[in-house]
C-alpha atoms as a PDB file:
ATOM      1  CA  MET A   1      31.657 -91.041  51.751  1.00  0.00           C
ATOM      2  CA  ARG A   2      33.226 -88.683  54.246  1.00  0.00           C
ATOM      3  CA  ILE A   3      36.714 -87.530  55.061  1.00  0.00           C
ATOM      4  CA  ARG A   4      37.441 -86.610  58.656  1.00  0.00           C
ATOM      5  CA  THR A   5      40.366 -85.829  60.938  1.00  0.00           C
ATOM      6  CA  VAL A   6      41.502 -88.930  62.843  1.00  0.00           C
ATOM      7  CA  LYS A   7      40.820 -88.839  66.592  1.00  0.00           C
ATOM      8  CA  LYS A   8      42.216 -90.981  69.417  1.00  0.00           C
ATOM      9  CA  LYS A   9      39.104 -93.165  69.358  1.00  0.00           C
ATOM     10  CA  ASP A  10      39.907 -94.080  65.716  1.00  0.00           C
ATOM     11  CA  LEU A  11      43.367 -95.478  66.464  1.00  0.00           C
ATOM     12  CA  TYR A  12      42.229 -99.052  67.046  1.00  0.00           C
ATOM     13  CA  LYS A  13      40.662 -99.308  63.574  1.00  0.00           C
ATOM     14  CA  ILE A  14      43.520 -97.359  61.965  1.00  0.00           C
ATOM     15  CA  THR A  15      46.166 -99.621  63.540  1.00  0.00           C
ATOM     16  CA  LYS A  16      44.224-102.733  62.551  1.00  0.00           C
ATOM     17  CA  LEU A  17      44.042-101.565  58.911  1.00  0.00           C
ATOM     18  CA  GLU A  18      47.729-100.600  59.006  1.00  0.00           C
ATOM     19  CA  LYS A  19      48.662-104.122  60.159  1.00  0.00           C
ATOM     20  CA  LYS A  20      46.411-105.756  57.529  1.00  0.00           C
ATOM     21  CA  ILE A  21      47.989-103.792  54.679  1.00  0.00           C
ATOM     22  CA  PHE A  22      51.617-103.420  55.716  1.00  0.00           C
ATOM     23  CA  GLN A  23      51.917-106.582  57.874  1.00  0.00           C
ATOM     24  CA  ASP A  24      55.430-106.791  59.361  1.00  0.00           C
ATOM     25  CA  GLN A  25      56.251-103.308  58.008  1.00  0.00           C
ATOM     26  CA  ALA A  26      53.289-101.739  59.872  1.00  0.00           C
ATOM     27  CA  PHE A  27      53.663 -98.810  62.242  1.00  0.00           C
ATOM     28  CA  SER A  28      53.112 -99.685  65.906  1.00  0.00           C
ATOM     29  CA  LYS A  29      50.121 -98.418  67.858  1.00  0.00           C
ATOM     30  CA  SER A  30      52.414 -96.199  69.962  1.00  0.00           C
ATOM     31  CA  LEU A  31      53.913 -94.646  66.822  1.00  0.00           C
ATOM     32  CA  MET A  32      50.419 -94.051  65.436  1.00  0.00           C
ATOM     33  CA  LYS A  33      49.500 -92.314  68.701  1.00  0.00           C
ATOM     34  CA  GLU A  34      52.594 -90.099  68.388  1.00  0.00           C
ATOM     35  CA  LEU A  35      51.756 -89.289  64.778  1.00  0.00           C
ATOM     36  CA  LEU A  36      48.240 -88.322  65.792  1.00  0.00           C
ATOM     37  CA  ASP A  37      49.697 -85.691  68.121  1.00  0.00           C
ATOM     38  CA  GLN A  38      52.462 -84.461  65.822  1.00  0.00           C
ATOM     39  CA  SER A  39      51.127 -84.788  62.280  1.00  0.00           C
ATOM     40  CA  LEU A  40      50.360 -81.907  59.994  1.00  0.00           C
ATOM     41  CA  LEU A  41      47.423 -83.885  58.649  1.00  0.00           C
ATOM     42  CA  PHE A  42      45.963 -87.256  59.698  1.00  0.00           C
ATOM     43  CA  HIS A  43      42.721 -87.904  57.823  1.00  0.00           C
ATOM     44  CA  LYS A  44      40.529 -90.941  57.315  1.00  0.00           C
ATOM     45  CA  ILE A  45      38.004 -91.777  54.643  1.00  0.00           C
ATOM     46  CA  GLU A  46      34.954 -93.686  55.745  1.00  0.00           C
ATOM     47  CA  MET A  47      31.607 -94.893  54.524  1.00  0.00           C
ATOM     48  CA  LYS A  48      28.478 -94.694  56.623  1.00  0.00           C
ATOM     49  CA  ILE A  49      25.707 -97.134  55.856  1.00  0.00           C
ATOM     50  CA  LEU A  50      24.266 -98.756  58.971  1.00  0.00           C
ATOM     51  CA  PHE A  51      27.560 -98.244  60.767  1.00  0.00           C
ATOM     52  CA  THR A  52      30.761 -96.380  59.971  1.00  0.00           C
ATOM     53  CA  LYS A  53      33.266 -98.371  57.932  1.00  0.00           C
ATOM     54  CA  LEU A  54      36.896 -97.235  57.685  1.00  0.00           C
ATOM     55  CA  ILE A  55      38.105 -97.261  54.054  1.00  0.00           C
ATOM     56  CA  GLY A  56      41.566 -95.740  54.495  1.00  0.00           C
ATOM     57  CA  PHE A  57      43.762 -93.005  55.924  1.00  0.00           C
ATOM     58  CA  ILE A  58      46.606 -90.640  55.105  1.00  0.00           C
ATOM     59  CA  ILE A  59      49.311 -89.061  57.284  1.00  0.00           C
ATOM     60  CA  LEU A  60      51.472 -86.043  56.419  1.00  0.00           C
ATOM     61  CA  ILE A  61      54.127 -84.597  58.680  1.00  0.00           C
ATOM     62  CA  LYS A  62      56.036 -81.360  58.302  1.00  0.00           C
ATOM     63  CA  ASP A  63      59.708 -82.313  58.027  1.00  0.00           C
ATOM     64  CA  MET A  64      61.088 -78.921  56.898  1.00  0.00           C
ATOM     65  CA  ASN A  65      59.740 -75.366  56.996  1.00  0.00           C
ATOM     66  CA  ASP A  66      58.478 -75.582  53.429  1.00  0.00           C
ATOM     67  CA  ARG A  67      58.079 -79.342  52.988  1.00  0.00           C
ATOM     68  CA  ALA A  68      55.676 -82.083  54.050  1.00  0.00           C
ATOM     69  CA  ASN A  69      56.343 -85.810  54.010  1.00  0.00           C
ATOM     70  CA  LEU A  70      53.501 -88.159  53.147  1.00  0.00           C
ATOM     71  CA  ILE A  71      54.572 -90.932  55.483  1.00  0.00           C
ATOM     72  CA  ASN A  72      51.555 -93.202  55.343  1.00  0.00           C
ATOM     73  CA  PHE A  73      48.665 -93.726  52.945  1.00  0.00           C
ATOM     74  CA  ALA A  74      46.474 -96.808  53.010  1.00  0.00           C
ATOM     75  CA  ILE A  75      43.205 -97.913  51.431  1.00  0.00           C
ATOM     76  CA  LYS A  76      41.593-101.256  52.374  1.00  0.00           C
ATOM     77  CA  PRO A  77      42.481-103.765  49.638  1.00  0.00           C
ATOM     78  CA  LYS A  78      38.855-104.466  48.669  1.00  0.00           C
ATOM     79  CA  TYR A  79      38.303-100.723  48.060  1.00  0.00           C
ATOM     80  CA  GLN A  80      41.490-100.118  46.050  1.00  0.00           C
ATOM     81  CA  GLY A  81      41.078 -99.129  42.423  1.00  0.00           C
ATOM     82  CA  ARG A  82      37.650 -97.563  43.026  1.00  0.00           C
ATOM     83  CA  GLY A  83      38.658 -93.903  43.364  1.00  0.00           C
ATOM     84  CA  TYR A  84      38.793 -93.705  47.173  1.00  0.00           C
ATOM     85  CA  GLY A  85      42.556 -93.150  47.199  1.00  0.00           C
ATOM     86  CA  THR A  86      42.199 -90.425  44.570  1.00  0.00           C
ATOM     87  CA  LEU A  87      39.480 -88.733  46.615  1.00  0.00           C
ATOM     88  CA  LEU A  88      41.472 -88.890  49.868  1.00  0.00           C
ATOM     89  CA  LEU A  89      44.725 -87.680  48.268  1.00  0.00           C
ATOM     90  CA  LYS A  90      42.957 -84.844  46.412  1.00  0.00           C
ATOM     91  CA  ASN A  91      41.164 -83.735  49.572  1.00  0.00           C
ATOM     92  CA  SER A  92      44.396 -83.863  51.592  1.00  0.00           C
ATOM     93  CA  LEU A  93      46.427 -81.877  49.049  1.00  0.00           C
ATOM     94  CA  ASP A  94      43.666 -79.268  48.739  1.00  0.00           C
ATOM     95  CA  TRP A  95      43.456 -79.018  52.547  1.00  0.00           C
ATOM     96  CA  LEU A  96      47.226 -78.640  52.784  1.00  0.00           C
ATOM     97  CA  ARG A  97      47.274 -75.927  50.129  1.00  0.00           C
ATOM     98  CA  SER A  98      44.452 -74.020  51.872  1.00  0.00           C
ATOM     99  CA  ASN A  99      45.771 -74.312  55.423  1.00  0.00           C
ATOM    100  CA  HIS A 100      49.563 -74.345  55.078  1.00  0.00           C
ATOM    101  CA  SER A 101      50.624 -71.980  52.321  1.00  0.00           C
ATOM    102  CA  LEU A 102      54.280 -72.177  53.406  1.00  0.00           C
ATOM    103  CA  ILE A 103      54.427 -75.836  52.312  1.00  0.00           C
ATOM    104  CA  LYS A 104      55.833 -75.800  48.777  1.00  0.00           C
ATOM    105  CA  LYS A 105      56.839 -79.425  48.341  1.00  0.00           C
ATOM    106  CA  ILE A 106      55.650 -82.881  49.347  1.00  0.00           C
ATOM    107  CA  ILE A 107      57.818 -85.984  49.343  1.00  0.00           C
ATOM    108  CA  LEU A 108      56.985 -89.649  49.830  1.00  0.00           C
ATOM    109  CA  ASN A 109      58.540 -93.092  49.541  1.00  0.00           C
ATOM    110  CA  VAL A 110      56.788 -95.920  47.730  1.00  0.00           C
ATOM    111  CA  LYS A 111      57.811 -99.508  47.023  1.00  0.00           C
ATOM    112  CA  THR A 112      59.208 -99.760  43.503  1.00  0.00           C
ATOM    113  CA  ASP A 113      56.778-102.576  42.652  1.00  0.00           C
ATOM    114  CA  ASN A 114      53.655-100.775  43.940  1.00  0.00           C
ATOM    115  CA  ASN A 115      52.492 -99.767  40.469  1.00  0.00           C
ATOM    116  CA  ARG A 116      48.964 -98.836  41.502  1.00  0.00           C
ATOM    117  CA  ALA A 117      50.245 -96.326  44.095  1.00  0.00           C
ATOM    118  CA  ILE A 118      52.887 -94.956  41.718  1.00  0.00           C
ATOM    119  CA  ARG A 119      50.236 -94.327  39.030  1.00  0.00           C
ATOM    120  CA  LEU A 120      48.043 -92.565  41.601  1.00  0.00           C
ATOM    121  CA  TYR A 121      50.890 -90.300  42.694  1.00  0.00           C
ATOM    122  CA  GLU A 122      51.836 -89.562  39.080  1.00  0.00           C
ATOM    123  CA  LYS A 123      48.212 -88.586  38.393  1.00  0.00           C
ATOM    124  CA  PHE A 124      48.776 -85.814  40.962  1.00  0.00           C
ATOM    125  CA  GLU A 125      52.076 -84.849  39.297  1.00  0.00           C
ATOM    126  CA  PHE A 126      54.438 -86.444  41.787  1.00  0.00           C
ATOM    127  CA  HIS A 127      57.595 -87.522  39.990  1.00  0.00           C
ATOM    128  CA  ILE A 128      60.312 -90.020  40.853  1.00  0.00           C
ATOM    129  CA  VAL A 129      63.436 -88.310  42.161  1.00  0.00           C
ATOM    130  CA  LYS A 130      65.528 -91.412  42.824  1.00  0.00           C
ATOM    131  CA  LYS A 131      65.498 -95.075  43.723  1.00  0.00           C
ATOM    132  CA  ILE A 132      66.633 -95.986  47.242  1.00  0.00           C
ATOM    133  CA  GLU A 133      67.936 -99.544  47.521  1.00  0.00           C
ATOM    134  CA  LYS A 134      67.120-101.541  50.680  1.00  0.00           C
ATOM    135  CA  TYR A 135      64.890 -98.755  52.018  1.00  0.00           C
ATOM    136  CA  TYR A 136      62.392-100.918  53.898  1.00  0.00           C
ATOM    137  CA  GLN A 137      63.098-103.242  56.846  1.00  0.00           C
ATOM    138  CA  ASN A 138      62.691-106.234  54.556  1.00  0.00           C
ATOM    139  CA  LYS A 139      65.378-104.757  52.248  1.00  0.00           C
ATOM    140  CA  GLU A 140      62.949-103.822  49.437  1.00  0.00           C
ATOM    141  CA  ALA A 141      63.746-100.754  47.364  1.00  0.00           C
ATOM    142  CA  ALA A 142      61.692 -97.550  47.305  1.00  0.00           C
ATOM    143  CA  TYR A 143      61.269 -94.623  45.004  1.00  0.00           C
ATOM    144  CA  LEU A 144      61.536 -91.175  46.509  1.00  0.00           C
ATOM    145  CA  MET A 145      58.779 -89.144  44.837  1.00  0.00           C
ATOM    146  CA  GLU A 146      58.226 -85.409  45.019  1.00  0.00           C
ATOM    147  CA  LEU A 147      55.482 -82.927  44.229  1.00  0.00           C
ATOM    148  CA  ASN A 148      56.118 -79.227  43.775  1.00  0.00           C
ATOM    149  CA  LEU A 149      52.858 -77.638  44.988  1.00  0.00           C
ATOM    150  CA  GLU A 150      53.671 -74.339  43.292  1.00  0.00           C
ATOM    151  CA  SER A 151      53.622 -75.960  39.855  1.00  0.00           C
ATOM    152  CA  VAL A 152      50.198 -77.537  40.387  1.00  0.00           C
ATOM    153  CA  LYS A 153      47.519 -75.022  41.272  1.00  0.00           C
ATOM    154  CA  LYS A 154      44.269 -76.976  41.475  1.00  0.00           C
ATOM    155  CA  TYR A 155      43.233 -80.573  41.061  1.00  0.00           C
ATOM    156  CA  ASP A 156      40.339 -81.196  38.761  1.00  0.00           C
ATOM    157  CA  LEU A 157      40.128 -84.961  38.713  1.00  0.00           C
ATOM    158  CA  SER A 158      36.938 -86.670  37.739  1.00  0.00           C
ATOM    159  CA  LEU A 159      36.246 -89.830  39.698  1.00  0.00           C
END
């Protein structure tokens, strides 16, 4: 298992996975290209056996001087529930803490019925701030979740 920074050559696979998971809510290829250039962090998790297999990715942008927004996080459905999301999120938060000490808070939006993702975020001490009705294009609601990085010093999660 390896976690790497996403490069332009990865965008085809990333966009394909994005479409598979989020379907009509997926980010476009042009938006993904923009995010690659402007993101604070755009990492992928992959497995190398005979060839490299993309497992998932995460994107954080800086939306305020002291805050990052986790705008996209996806793990291939057949690999969900196996610890890959935990590993990628832990690695990303540790990287952020080491490389961007001015970031004190991380926010994200998650569908209110995405219990697996909510449990993962809560494991990292994100908490629900509020419910936003009709947040997504398809009118589904979202929770706004927040993590105060100053209150959590180090992640020691066993996989």
